[in-house]
Amino acid sequence: LCLDVPARWNSTFLIFDLALQYKEAFGRFQELDRHYHLTTTKDEWKKNTIVHNSLKIFYDATN
């Protein structure tokens, strides 16, 4: 589990990184649990990937 730290963008990168790793799992939740109402559209996943890739440059440079 990674929590966001407002003063550090590295934590934001790690959250995006984990979310993208478990992208398929989020879709499965919706299929398996009728109470799960979080839906991420394909467009939102594309935007998440763009943000992730942008932050990765800085993450790699500082770690």
C-alpha atoms as a PDB file:
ATOM      1  CA  LEU A   1       0.000   0.000   0.000  1.00  0.00           C
ATOM      2  CA  CYS A   2       1.325   3.399  -0.947  1.00  0.00           C
ATOM      3  CA  LEU A   3      -0.145   6.571   0.489  1.00  0.00           C
ATOM      4  CA  ASP A   4       0.111   9.957  -1.169  1.00  0.00           C
ATOM      5  CA  VAL A   5       2.378  12.514   0.467  1.00  0.00           C
ATOM      6  CA  PRO A   6       1.260  15.972  -0.743  1.00  0.00           C
ATOM      7  CA  ALA A   7       4.756  17.453  -0.479  1.00  0.00           C
ATOM      8  CA  ARG A   8       6.397  14.625  -2.495  1.00  0.00           C
ATOM      9  CA  TRP A   9       5.486  13.717  -6.063  1.00  0.00           C
ATOM     10  CA  ASN A  10       7.378  10.385  -5.792  1.00  0.00           C
ATOM     11  CA  SER A  11       4.481   8.947  -3.808  1.00  0.00           C
ATOM     12  CA  THR A  12       2.083  10.049  -6.560  1.00  0.00           C
ATOM     13  CA  PHE A  13       4.213   8.208  -9.116  1.00  0.00           C
ATOM     14  CA  LEU A  14       4.165   5.048  -6.984  1.00  0.00           C
ATOM     15  CA  ILE A  15       0.364   5.196  -6.690  1.00  0.00           C
ATOM     16  CA  PHE A  16       0.008   5.505 -10.478  1.00  0.00           C
ATOM     17  CA  ASP A  17       2.555   2.702 -10.927  1.00  0.00           C
ATOM     18  CA  LEU A  18       0.605   0.315  -8.693  1.00  0.00           C
ATOM     19  CA  ALA A  19      -2.746   1.267 -10.209  1.00  0.00           C
ATOM     20  CA  LEU A  20      -1.464   0.502 -13.704  1.00  0.00           C
ATOM     21  CA  GLN A  21       0.001  -2.818 -12.531  1.00  0.00           C
ATOM     22  CA  TYR A  22      -3.418  -3.822 -11.178  1.00  0.00           C
ATOM     23  CA  LYS A  23      -5.492  -2.323 -13.997  1.00  0.00           C
ATOM     24  CA  GLU A  24      -7.072  -5.671 -14.894  1.00  0.00           C
ATOM     25  CA  ALA A  25      -7.937  -6.357 -11.252  1.00  0.00           C
ATOM     26  CA  PHE A  26     -10.010  -3.173 -11.080  1.00  0.00           C
ATOM     27  CA  GLY A  27     -12.033  -4.424 -14.045  1.00  0.00           C
ATOM     28  CA  ARG A  28     -12.524  -7.802 -12.386  1.00  0.00           C
ATOM     29  CA  PHE A  29     -13.851  -6.162  -9.205  1.00  0.00           C
ATOM     30  CA  GLN A  30     -16.670  -4.660 -11.224  1.00  0.00           C
ATOM     31  CA  GLU A  31     -17.484  -8.047 -12.769  1.00  0.00           C
ATOM     32  CA  LEU A  32     -17.407  -9.972  -9.483  1.00  0.00           C
ATOM     33  CA  ASP A  33     -18.844  -7.530  -6.938  1.00  0.00           C
ATOM     34  CA  ARG A  34     -22.149  -5.833  -7.636  1.00  0.00           C
ATOM     35  CA  HIS A  35     -21.391  -3.292  -4.894  1.00  0.00           C
ATOM     36  CA  TYR A  36     -18.180  -2.139  -6.582  1.00  0.00           C
ATOM     37  CA  HIS A  37     -19.040   1.083  -8.410  1.00  0.00           C
ATOM     38  CA  LEU A  38     -15.642   2.560  -9.289  1.00  0.00           C
ATOM     39  CA  THR A  39     -15.305   2.552 -13.046  1.00  0.00           C
ATOM     40  CA  THR A  40     -12.262   3.888 -14.850  1.00  0.00           C
ATOM     41  CA  THR A  41     -12.799   4.569 -18.540  1.00  0.00           C
ATOM     42  CA  LYS A  42     -10.306   3.750 -21.290  1.00  0.00           C
ATOM     43  CA  ASP A  43      -9.686   7.488 -21.694  1.00  0.00           C
ATOM     44  CA  GLU A  44      -8.919   7.819 -17.972  1.00  0.00           C
ATOM     45  CA  TRP A  45      -6.483   4.883 -18.147  1.00  0.00           C
ATOM     46  CA  LYS A  46      -4.755   6.588 -21.091  1.00  0.00           C
ATOM     47  CA  LYS A  47      -4.446   9.804 -19.072  1.00  0.00           C
ATOM     48  CA  ASN A  48      -3.146   7.829 -16.081  1.00  0.00           C
ATOM     49  CA  THR A  49      -0.502   6.256 -18.314  1.00  0.00           C
ATOM     50  CA  ILE A  50       0.584   9.671 -19.626  1.00  0.00           C
ATOM     51  CA  VAL A  51       0.935  11.056 -16.092  1.00  0.00           C
ATOM     52  CA  HIS A  52       2.756   7.897 -14.970  1.00  0.00           C
ATOM     53  CA  ASN A  53       5.226   8.068 -17.856  1.00  0.00           C
ATOM     54  CA  SER A  54       5.857  11.769 -17.234  1.00  0.00           C
ATOM     55  CA  LEU A  55       6.516  11.251 -13.526  1.00  0.00           C
ATOM     56  CA  LYS A  56       8.682   8.177 -14.192  1.00  0.00           C
ATOM     57  CA  ILE A  57      11.351  10.352 -15.820  1.00  0.00           C
ATOM     58  CA  PHE A  58      11.718  12.362 -12.613  1.00  0.00           C
ATOM     59  CA  TYR A  59      11.384   9.309 -10.381  1.00  0.00           C
ATOM     60  CA  ASP A  60      14.200   7.528 -12.218  1.00  0.00           C
ATOM     61  CA  ALA A  61      16.388  10.636 -12.119  1.00  0.00           C
ATOM     62  CA  THR A  62      16.044  11.081  -8.353  1.00  0.00           C
ATOM     63  CA  ASN A  63      16.176   7.466  -7.164  1.00  0.00           C
END
